[in-house]
Amino acid sequence: MAIDWDSFESDLDERVDNAGDRTDAKLAEKMSSITRMTDDEIQELLPNPADAKKLTALMKIVKSAEDRNTKVNKIVANVEDFGGVLVTLLEKLS
């Protein structure tokens, strides 16, 4: 199933802008729909809604049809934005 990233990001932007307890739950639900994590795991792993938005941007690059080198270059170009999310994910995996 292809993900419409523009629509997804637009919806995510709206949810981030209106962050609150209910919105955080909806945000986790949205993120868990494109990952193998549950809503609770998303909320625990990324309590800051802005981090969920960064994860989406990172996933968009990783899941793109571009070649591996292009993906790596895009991630490196945005490493300051993705750094915190990457550390959080790697801590969870280790």
PDB file of N, CA and C in Angstrom:
ATOM      1  N   MET A   1       0.846  -1.175   0.000  1.00  0.00           N
ATOM      2  CA  MET A   1       0.000   0.000   0.000  1.00  0.00           C
ATOM      3  C   MET A   1       0.894   1.241   0.000  1.00  0.00           C
ATOM      4  N   ALA A   2       0.701   2.065  -0.990  1.00  0.00           N
ATOM      5  CA  ALA A   2       1.483   3.300  -1.096  1.00  0.00           C
ATOM      6  C   ALA A   2       0.937   4.345  -0.127  1.00  0.00           C
ATOM      7  N   ILE A   3       1.836   5.076   0.471  1.00  0.00           N
ATOM      8  CA  ILE A   3       1.451   6.131   1.412  1.00  0.00           C
ATOM      9  C   ILE A   3       1.494   7.463   0.683  1.00  0.00           C
ATOM     10  N   ASP A   4       0.421   8.225   0.772  1.00  0.00           N
ATOM     11  CA  ASP A   4       0.389   9.573   0.201  1.00  0.00           C
ATOM     12  C   ASP A   4       1.065  10.495   1.209  1.00  0.00           C
ATOM     13  N   TRP A   5       2.370  10.711   1.039  1.00  0.00           N
ATOM     14  CA  TRP A   5       3.168  11.443   2.023  1.00  0.00           C
ATOM     15  C   TRP A   5       2.717  12.886   2.162  1.00  0.00           C
ATOM     16  N   ASP A   6       2.324  13.528   1.066  1.00  0.00           N
ATOM     17  CA  ASP A   6       1.884  14.923   1.160  1.00  0.00           C
ATOM     18  C   ASP A   6       0.636  15.039   2.025  1.00  0.00           C
ATOM     19  N   SER A   7      -0.303  14.146   1.787  1.00  0.00           N
ATOM     20  CA  SER A   7      -1.528  14.141   2.592  1.00  0.00           C
ATOM     21  C   SER A   7      -1.217  13.784   4.040  1.00  0.00           C
ATOM     22  N   PHE A   8      -0.352  12.793   4.214  1.00  0.00           N
ATOM     23  CA  PHE A   8       0.022  12.370   5.559  1.00  0.00           C
ATOM     24  C   PHE A   8       0.681  13.513   6.327  1.00  0.00           C
ATOM     25  N   GLU A   9       1.652  14.189   5.684  1.00  0.00           N
ATOM     26  CA  GLU A   9       2.351  15.295   6.341  1.00  0.00           C
ATOM     27  C   GLU A   9       1.415  16.456   6.641  1.00  0.00           C
ATOM     28  N   SER A  10       0.504  16.734   5.726  1.00  0.00           N
ATOM     29  CA  SER A  10      -0.456  17.812   5.950  1.00  0.00           C
ATOM     30  C   SER A  10      -1.317  17.515   7.178  1.00  0.00           C
ATOM     31  N   ASP A  11      -1.797  16.275   7.263  1.00  0.00           N
ATOM     32  CA  ASP A  11      -2.601  15.868   8.409  1.00  0.00           C
ATOM     33  C   ASP A  11      -1.774  15.911   9.686  1.00  0.00           C
ATOM     34  N   LEU A  12      -0.532  15.467   9.597  1.00  0.00           N
ATOM     35  CA  LEU A  12       0.355  15.466  10.759  1.00  0.00           C
ATOM     36  C   LEU A  12       0.647  16.893  11.221  1.00  0.00           C
ATOM     37  N   ASP A  13       0.897  17.796  10.276  1.00  0.00           N
ATOM     38  CA  ASP A  13       1.134  19.203  10.625  1.00  0.00           C
ATOM     39  C   ASP A  13      -0.028  19.764  11.427  1.00  0.00           C
ATOM     40  N   GLU A  14      -1.232  19.477  10.982  1.00  0.00           N
ATOM     41  CA  GLU A  14      -2.417  19.973  11.687  1.00  0.00           C
ATOM     42  C   GLU A  14      -2.481  19.412  13.104  1.00  0.00           C
ATOM     43  N   ARG A  15      -2.177  18.140  13.253  1.00  0.00           N
ATOM     44  CA  ARG A  15      -2.211  17.508  14.569  1.00  0.00           C
ATOM     45  C   ARG A  15      -1.114  18.056  15.486  1.00  0.00           C
ATOM     46  N   VAL A  16       0.060  18.307  14.926  1.00  0.00           N
ATOM     47  CA  VAL A  16       1.150  18.871  15.725  1.00  0.00           C
ATOM     48  C   VAL A  16       0.791  20.272  16.196  1.00  0.00           C
ATOM     49  N   ASP A  17       0.221  21.081  15.296  1.00  0.00           N
ATOM     50  CA  ASP A  17      -0.141  22.455  15.643  1.00  0.00           C
ATOM     51  C   ASP A  17      -1.176  22.517  16.755  1.00  0.00           C
ATOM     52  N   ASN A  18      -2.023  21.535  16.855  1.00  0.00           N
ATOM     53  CA  ASN A  18      -3.083  21.517  17.866  1.00  0.00           C
ATOM     54  C   ASN A  18      -2.779  20.523  18.984  1.00  0.00           C
ATOM     55  N   ALA A  19      -1.486  20.382  19.288  1.00  0.00           N
ATOM     56  CA  ALA A  19      -1.064  19.380  20.267  1.00  0.00           C
ATOM     57  C   ALA A  19      -1.721  19.596  21.622  1.00  0.00           C
ATOM     58  N   GLY A  20      -2.141  18.545  22.195  1.00  0.00           N
ATOM     59  CA  GLY A  20      -2.744  18.465  23.520  1.00  0.00           C
ATOM     60  C   GLY A  20      -2.876  16.993  23.828  1.00  0.00           C
ATOM     61  N   ASP A  21      -3.441  16.655  24.939  1.00  0.00           N
ATOM     62  CA  ASP A  21      -3.552  15.247  25.298  1.00  0.00           C
ATOM     63  C   ASP A  21      -4.324  14.446  24.256  1.00  0.00           C
ATOM     64  N   ARG A  22      -5.477  14.952  23.834  1.00  0.00           N
ATOM     65  CA  ARG A  22      -6.262  14.225  22.831  1.00  0.00           C
ATOM     66  C   ARG A  22      -5.530  14.160  21.505  1.00  0.00           C
ATOM     67  N   THR A  23      -4.923  15.277  21.126  1.00  0.00           N
ATOM     68  CA  THR A  23      -4.213  15.317  19.856  1.00  0.00           C
ATOM     69  C   THR A  23      -3.001  14.398  19.907  1.00  0.00           C
ATOM     70  N   ASP A  24      -2.315  14.345  21.045  1.00  0.00           N
ATOM     71  CA  ASP A  24      -1.175  13.445  21.174  1.00  0.00           C
ATOM     72  C   ASP A  24      -1.608  12.000  20.943  1.00  0.00           C
ATOM     73  N   ALA A  25      -2.779  11.639  21.456  1.00  0.00           N
ATOM     74  CA  ALA A  25      -3.289  10.287  21.247  1.00  0.00           C
ATOM     75  C   ALA A  25      -3.593  10.053  19.769  1.00  0.00           C
ATOM     76  N   LYS A  26      -4.184  11.030  19.109  1.00  0.00           N
ATOM     77  CA  LYS A  26      -4.477  10.906  17.677  1.00  0.00           C
ATOM     78  C   LYS A  26      -3.188  10.856  16.866  1.00  0.00           C
ATOM     79  N   LEU A  27      -2.212  11.635  17.276  1.00  0.00           N
ATOM     80  CA  LEU A  27      -0.921  11.651  16.600  1.00  0.00           C
ATOM     81  C   LEU A  27      -0.257  10.284  16.713  1.00  0.00           C
ATOM     82  N   ALA A  28      -0.274   9.689  17.898  1.00  0.00           N
ATOM     83  CA  ALA A  28       0.295   8.359  18.103  1.00  0.00           C
ATOM     84  C   ALA A  28      -0.442   7.331  17.244  1.00  0.00           C
ATOM     85  N   GLU A  29      -1.755   7.481  17.166  1.00  0.00           N
ATOM     86  CA  GLU A  29      -2.556   6.570  16.334  1.00  0.00           C
ATOM     87  C   GLU A  29      -2.149   6.680  14.867  1.00  0.00           C
ATOM     88  N   LYS A  30      -1.950   7.895  14.410  1.00  0.00           N
ATOM     89  CA  LYS A  30      -1.544   8.127  13.016  1.00  0.00           C
ATOM     90  C   LYS A  30      -0.160   7.531  12.763  1.00  0.00           C
ATOM     91  N   MET A  31       0.775   7.763  13.677  1.00  0.00           N
ATOM     92  CA  MET A  31       2.127   7.248  13.512  1.00  0.00           C
ATOM     93  C   MET A  31       2.150   5.719  13.583  1.00  0.00           C
ATOM     94  N   SER A  32       1.364   5.131  14.467  1.00  0.00           N
ATOM     95  CA  SER A  32       1.360   3.673  14.590  1.00  0.00           C
ATOM     96  C   SER A  32       0.770   3.017  13.347  1.00  0.00           C
ATOM     97  N   SER A  33      -0.007   3.770  12.569  1.00  0.00           N
ATOM     98  CA  SER A  33      -0.590   3.210  11.352  1.00  0.00           C
ATOM     99  C   SER A  33       0.457   2.972  10.269  1.00  0.00           C
ATOM    100  N   ILE A  34       1.621   3.617  10.362  1.00  0.00           N
ATOM    101  CA  ILE A  34       2.658   3.425   9.352  1.00  0.00           C
ATOM    102  C   ILE A  34       3.912   2.771   9.928  1.00  0.00           C
ATOM    103  N   THR A  35       3.834   2.329  11.181  1.00  0.00           N
ATOM    104  CA  THR A  35       4.966   1.643  11.806  1.00  0.00           C
ATOM    105  C   THR A  35       4.475   0.335  12.400  1.00  0.00           C
ATOM    106  N   ARG A  36       5.378  -0.387  12.998  1.00  0.00           N
ATOM    107  CA  ARG A  36       5.009  -1.627  13.689  1.00  0.00           C
ATOM    108  C   ARG A  36       4.792  -1.375  15.176  1.00  0.00           C
ATOM    109  N   MET A  37       4.821  -0.112  15.567  1.00  0.00           N
ATOM    110  CA  MET A  37       4.656   0.233  16.981  1.00  0.00           C
ATOM    111  C   MET A  37       3.183   0.503  17.296  1.00  0.00           C
ATOM    112  N   THR A  38       2.846   0.308  18.561  1.00  0.00           N
ATOM    113  CA  THR A  38       1.494   0.605  19.028  1.00  0.00           C
ATOM    114  C   THR A  38       1.376   2.096  19.358  1.00  0.00           C
ATOM    115  N   ASP A  39       0.150   2.550  19.542  1.00  0.00           N
ATOM    116  CA  ASP A  39      -0.084   3.943  19.941  1.00  0.00           C
ATOM    117  C   ASP A  39       0.683   4.271  21.223  1.00  0.00           C
ATOM    118  N   ASP A  40       0.615   3.368  22.209  1.00  0.00           N
ATOM    119  CA  ASP A  40       1.291   3.599  23.486  1.00  0.00           C
ATOM    120  C   ASP A  40       2.807   3.670  23.317  1.00  0.00           C
ATOM    121  N   GLU A  41       3.349   2.810  22.470  1.00  0.00           N
ATOM    122  CA  GLU A  41       4.794   2.831  22.235  1.00  0.00           C
ATOM    123  C   GLU A  41       5.224   4.141  21.583  1.00  0.00           C
ATOM    124  N   ILE A  42       4.423   4.631  20.638  1.00  0.00           N
ATOM    125  CA  ILE A  42       4.726   5.907  19.983  1.00  0.00           C
ATOM    126  C   ILE A  42       4.721   7.032  21.013  1.00  0.00           C
ATOM    127  N   GLN A  43       3.693   7.076  21.857  1.00  0.00           N
ATOM    128  CA  GLN A  43       3.597   8.137  22.858  1.00  0.00           C
ATOM    129  C   GLN A  43       4.753   8.060  23.859  1.00  0.00           C
ATOM    130  N   GLU A  44       5.151   6.853  24.212  1.00  0.00           N
ATOM    131  CA  GLU A  44       6.259   6.689  25.147  1.00  0.00           C
ATOM    132  C   GLU A  44       7.591   7.071  24.488  1.00  0.00           C
ATOM    133  N   LEU A  45       7.775   6.641  23.258  1.00  0.00           N
ATOM    134  CA  LEU A  45       9.026   6.866  22.551  1.00  0.00           C
ATOM    135  C   LEU A  45       9.191   8.317  22.113  1.00  0.00           C
ATOM    136  N   LEU A  46       8.103   8.931  21.643  1.00  0.00           N
ATOM    137  CA  LEU A  46       8.150  10.293  21.111  1.00  0.00           C
ATOM    138  C   LEU A  46       7.079  11.157  21.770  1.00  0.00           C
ATOM    139  N   PRO A  47       7.271  11.520  23.040  1.00  0.00           N
ATOM    140  CA  PRO A  47       6.244  12.308  23.730  1.00  0.00           C
ATOM    141  C   PRO A  47       6.077  13.713  23.145  1.00  0.00           C
ATOM    142  N   ASN A  48       7.093  14.204  22.472  1.00  0.00           N
ATOM    143  CA  ASN A  48       7.035  15.523  21.854  1.00  0.00           C
ATOM    144  C   ASN A  48       6.458  15.388  20.442  1.00  0.00           C
ATOM    145  N   PRO A  49       5.297  15.993  20.157  1.00  0.00           N
ATOM    146  CA  PRO A  49       4.694  15.868  18.821  1.00  0.00           C
ATOM    147  C   PRO A  49       5.625  16.296  17.683  1.00  0.00           C
ATOM    148  N   ALA A  50       6.519  17.234  17.925  1.00  0.00           N
ATOM    149  CA  ALA A  50       7.444  17.666  16.876  1.00  0.00           C
ATOM    150  C   ALA A  50       8.379  16.528  16.481  1.00  0.00           C
ATOM    151  N   ASP A  51       8.720  15.641  17.428  1.00  0.00           N
ATOM    152  CA  ASP A  51       9.569  14.497  17.113  1.00  0.00           C
ATOM    153  C   ASP A  51       8.841  13.517  16.194  1.00  0.00           C
ATOM    154  N   ALA A  52       7.541  13.380  16.390  1.00  0.00           N
ATOM    155  CA  ALA A  52       6.761  12.507  15.504  1.00  0.00           C
ATOM    156  C   ALA A  52       6.794  13.046  14.080  1.00  0.00           C
ATOM    157  N   LYS A  53       6.762  14.352  13.951  1.00  0.00           N
ATOM    158  CA  LYS A  53       6.836  14.965  12.626  1.00  0.00           C
ATOM    159  C   LYS A  53       8.207  14.694  12.000  1.00  0.00           C
ATOM    160  N   LYS A  54       9.251  14.756  12.801  1.00  0.00           N
ATOM    161  CA  LYS A  54      10.601  14.468  12.299  1.00  0.00           C
ATOM    162  C   LYS A  54      10.718  13.003  11.884  1.00  0.00           C
ATOM    163  N   LEU A  55      10.108  12.112  12.661  1.00  0.00           N
ATOM    164  CA  LEU A  55      10.116  10.697  12.302  1.00  0.00           C
ATOM    165  C   LEU A  55       9.425  10.491  10.962  1.00  0.00           C
ATOM    166  N   THR A  56       8.348  11.194  10.733  1.00  0.00           N
ATOM    167  CA  THR A  56       7.646  11.086   9.457  1.00  0.00           C
ATOM    168  C   THR A  56       8.528  11.525   8.303  1.00  0.00           C
ATOM    169  N   ALA A  57       9.225  12.625   8.477  1.00  0.00           N
ATOM    170  CA  ALA A  57      10.123  13.115   7.422  1.00  0.00           C
ATOM    171  C   ALA A  57      11.225  12.098   7.147  1.00  0.00           C
ATOM    172  N   LEU A  58      11.753  11.502   8.202  1.00  0.00           N
ATOM    173  CA  LEU A  58      12.793  10.483   8.056  1.00  0.00           C
ATOM    174  C   LEU A  58      12.238   9.249   7.340  1.00  0.00           C
ATOM    175  N   MET A  59      11.061   8.801   7.742  1.00  0.00           N
ATOM    176  CA  MET A  59      10.452   7.641   7.115  1.00  0.00           C
ATOM    177  C   MET A  59      10.125   7.896   5.646  1.00  0.00           C
ATOM    178  N   LYS A  60       9.737   9.101   5.338  1.00  0.00           N
ATOM    179  CA  LYS A  60       9.437   9.452   3.945  1.00  0.00           C
ATOM    180  C   LYS A  60      10.683   9.251   3.082  1.00  0.00           C
ATOM    181  N   ILE A  61      11.824   9.646   3.591  1.00  0.00           N
ATOM    182  CA  ILE A  61      13.078   9.452   2.855  1.00  0.00           C
ATOM    183  C   ILE A  61      13.390   7.963   2.734  1.00  0.00           C
ATOM    184  N   VAL A  62      13.322   7.242   3.837  1.00  0.00           N
ATOM    185  CA  VAL A  62      13.684   5.824   3.849  1.00  0.00           C
ATOM    186  C   VAL A  62      12.774   5.008   2.935  1.00  0.00           C
ATOM    187  N   LYS A  63      11.492   5.305   2.910  1.00  0.00           N
ATOM    188  CA  LYS A  63      10.530   4.537   2.121  1.00  0.00           C
ATOM    189  C   LYS A  63      10.416   5.008   0.672  1.00  0.00           C
ATOM    190  N   SER A  64      11.132   6.050   0.299  1.00  0.00           N
ATOM    191  CA  SER A  64      11.057   6.553  -1.072  1.00  0.00           C
ATOM    192  C   SER A  64      11.657   5.544  -2.049  1.00  0.00           C
ATOM    193  N   ALA A  65      11.369   5.726  -3.320  1.00  0.00           N
ATOM    194  CA  ALA A  65      11.875   4.832  -4.368  1.00  0.00           C
ATOM    195  C   ALA A  65      13.287   5.207  -4.811  1.00  0.00           C
ATOM    196  N   GLU A  66      13.858   6.211  -4.198  1.00  0.00           N
ATOM    197  CA  GLU A  66      15.196   6.677  -4.584  1.00  0.00           C
ATOM    198  C   GLU A  66      16.247   5.621  -4.233  1.00  0.00           C
ATOM    199  N   ASP A  67      17.406   5.735  -4.874  1.00  0.00           N
ATOM    200  CA  ASP A  67      18.473   4.775  -4.577  1.00  0.00           C
ATOM    201  C   ASP A  67      19.045   5.040  -3.185  1.00  0.00           C
ATOM    202  N   ARG A  68      19.763   4.049  -2.677  1.00  0.00           N
ATOM    203  CA  ARG A  68      20.280   4.102  -1.308  1.00  0.00           C
ATOM    204  C   ARG A  68      21.174   5.311  -1.073  1.00  0.00           C
ATOM    205  N   ASN A  69      22.058   5.626  -2.008  1.00  0.00           N
ATOM    206  CA  ASN A  69      22.963   6.759  -1.832  1.00  0.00           C
ATOM    207  C   ASN A  69      22.209   8.079  -1.731  1.00  0.00           C
ATOM    208  N   THR A  70      21.160   8.241  -2.514  1.00  0.00           N
ATOM    209  CA  THR A  70      20.348   9.459  -2.449  1.00  0.00           C
ATOM    210  C   THR A  70      19.667   9.565  -1.089  1.00  0.00           C
ATOM    211  N   LYS A  71      19.153   8.447  -0.603  1.00  0.00           N
ATOM    212  CA  LYS A  71      18.518   8.431   0.714  1.00  0.00           C
ATOM    213  C   LYS A  71      19.514   8.827   1.801  1.00  0.00           C
ATOM    214  N   VAL A  72      20.701   8.228   1.746  1.00  0.00           N
ATOM    215  CA  VAL A  72      21.738   8.527   2.743  1.00  0.00           C
ATOM    216  C   VAL A  72      22.097  10.008   2.689  1.00  0.00           C
ATOM    217  N   ASN A  73      22.265  10.538   1.496  1.00  0.00           N
ATOM    218  CA  ASN A  73      22.618  11.957   1.347  1.00  0.00           C
ATOM    219  C   ASN A  73      21.538  12.866   1.918  1.00  0.00           C
ATOM    220  N   LYS A  74      20.276  12.525   1.710  1.00  0.00           N
ATOM    221  CA  LYS A  74      19.183  13.338   2.255  1.00  0.00           C
ATOM    222  C   LYS A  74      19.161  13.266   3.781  1.00  0.00           C
ATOM    223  N   ILE A  75      19.407  12.096   4.318  1.00  0.00           N
ATOM    224  CA  ILE A  75      19.432  11.951   5.780  1.00  0.00           C
ATOM    225  C   ILE A  75      20.594  12.746   6.354  1.00  0.00           C
ATOM    226  N   VAL A  76      21.759  12.640   5.737  1.00  0.00           N
ATOM    227  CA  VAL A  76      22.935  13.383   6.200  1.00  0.00           C
ATOM    228  C   VAL A  76      22.677  14.888   6.134  1.00  0.00           C
ATOM    229  N   ALA A  77      22.021  15.343   5.076  1.00  0.00           N
ATOM    230  CA  ALA A  77      21.728  16.772   4.923  1.00  0.00           C
ATOM    231  C   ALA A  77      20.795  17.280   6.018  1.00  0.00           C
ATOM    232  N   ASN A  78      20.025  16.375   6.601  1.00  0.00           N
ATOM    233  CA  ASN A  78      19.066  16.764   7.644  1.00  0.00           C
ATOM    234  C   ASN A  78      19.391  16.141   8.995  1.00  0.00           C
ATOM    235  N   VAL A  79      20.646  15.759   9.185  1.00  0.00           N
ATOM    236  CA  VAL A  79      21.027  15.027  10.391  1.00  0.00           C
ATOM    237  C   VAL A  79      20.730  15.813  11.670  1.00  0.00           C
ATOM    238  N   GLU A  80      20.849  17.122  11.645  1.00  0.00           N
ATOM    239  CA  GLU A  80      20.557  17.898  12.858  1.00  0.00           C
ATOM    240  C   GLU A  80      19.088  17.774  13.243  1.00  0.00           C
ATOM    241  N   ASP A  81      18.205  17.714  12.244  1.00  0.00           N
ATOM    242  CA  ASP A  81      16.779  17.541  12.528  1.00  0.00           C
ATOM    243  C   ASP A  81      16.467  16.124  13.002  1.00  0.00           C
ATOM    244  N   PHE A  82      17.115  15.136  12.372  1.00  0.00           N
ATOM    245  CA  PHE A  82      16.809  13.741  12.651  1.00  0.00           C
ATOM    246  C   PHE A  82      17.593  13.163  13.815  1.00  0.00           C
ATOM    247  N   GLY A  83      18.639  13.839  14.268  1.00  0.00           N
ATOM    248  CA  GLY A  83      19.540  13.292  15.280  1.00  0.00           C
ATOM    249  C   GLY A  83      18.841  12.774  16.519  1.00  0.00           C
ATOM    250  N   GLY A  84      17.983  13.583  17.109  1.00  0.00           N
ATOM    251  CA  GLY A  84      17.297  13.185  18.336  1.00  0.00           C
ATOM    252  C   GLY A  84      16.395  11.986  18.136  1.00  0.00           C
ATOM    253  N   VAL A  85      15.691  11.964  17.025  1.00  0.00           N
ATOM    254  CA  VAL A  85      14.791  10.848  16.735  1.00  0.00           C
ATOM    255  C   VAL A  85      15.599   9.572  16.488  1.00  0.00           C
ATOM    256  N   LEU A  86      16.707   9.705  15.772  1.00  0.00           N
ATOM    257  CA  LEU A  86      17.554   8.539  15.515  1.00  0.00           C
ATOM    258  C   LEU A  86      18.116   7.962  16.811  1.00  0.00           C
ATOM    259  N   VAL A  87      18.578   8.825  17.694  1.00  0.00           N
ATOM    260  CA  VAL A  87      19.101   8.353  18.977  1.00  0.00           C
ATOM    261  C   VAL A  87      17.999   7.647  19.761  1.00  0.00           C
ATOM    262  N   THR A  88      16.817   8.217  19.794  1.00  0.00           N
ATOM    263  CA  THR A  88      15.693   7.609  20.509  1.00  0.00           C
ATOM    264  C   THR A  88      15.370   6.231  19.936  1.00  0.00           C
ATOM    265  N   LEU A  89      15.300   6.131  18.606  1.00  0.00           N
ATOM    266  CA  LEU A  89      14.999   4.842  17.975  1.00  0.00           C
ATOM    267  C   LEU A  89      16.083   3.801  18.239  1.00  0.00           C
ATOM    268  N   LEU A  90      17.329   4.230  18.135  1.00  0.00           N
ATOM    269  CA  LEU A  90      18.436   3.289  18.360  1.00  0.00           C
ATOM    270  C   LEU A  90      18.517   2.844  19.829  1.00  0.00           C
ATOM    271  N   GLU A  91      18.199   3.751  20.751  1.00  0.00           N
ATOM    272  CA  GLU A  91      18.157   3.367  22.165  1.00  0.00           C
ATOM    273  C   GLU A  91      17.074   2.313  22.390  1.00  0.00           C
ATOM    274  N   LYS A  92      15.945   2.463  21.705  1.00  0.00           N
ATOM    275  CA  LYS A  92      14.846   1.515  21.831  1.00  0.00           C
ATOM    276  C   LYS A  92      15.248   0.147  21.274  1.00  0.00           C
ATOM    277  N   LEU A  93      16.030   0.146  20.209  1.00  0.00           N
ATOM    278  CA  LEU A  93      16.447  -1.113  19.572  1.00  0.00           C
ATOM    279  C   LEU A  93      17.568  -1.814  20.320  1.00  0.00           C
ATOM    280  N   SER A  94      18.319  -1.075  21.128  1.00  0.00           N
ATOM    281  CA  SER A  94      19.469  -1.700  21.787  1.00  0.00           C
ATOM    282  C   SER A  94      19.156  -2.170  23.194  1.00  0.00           C
TER     283      SER A  94
END
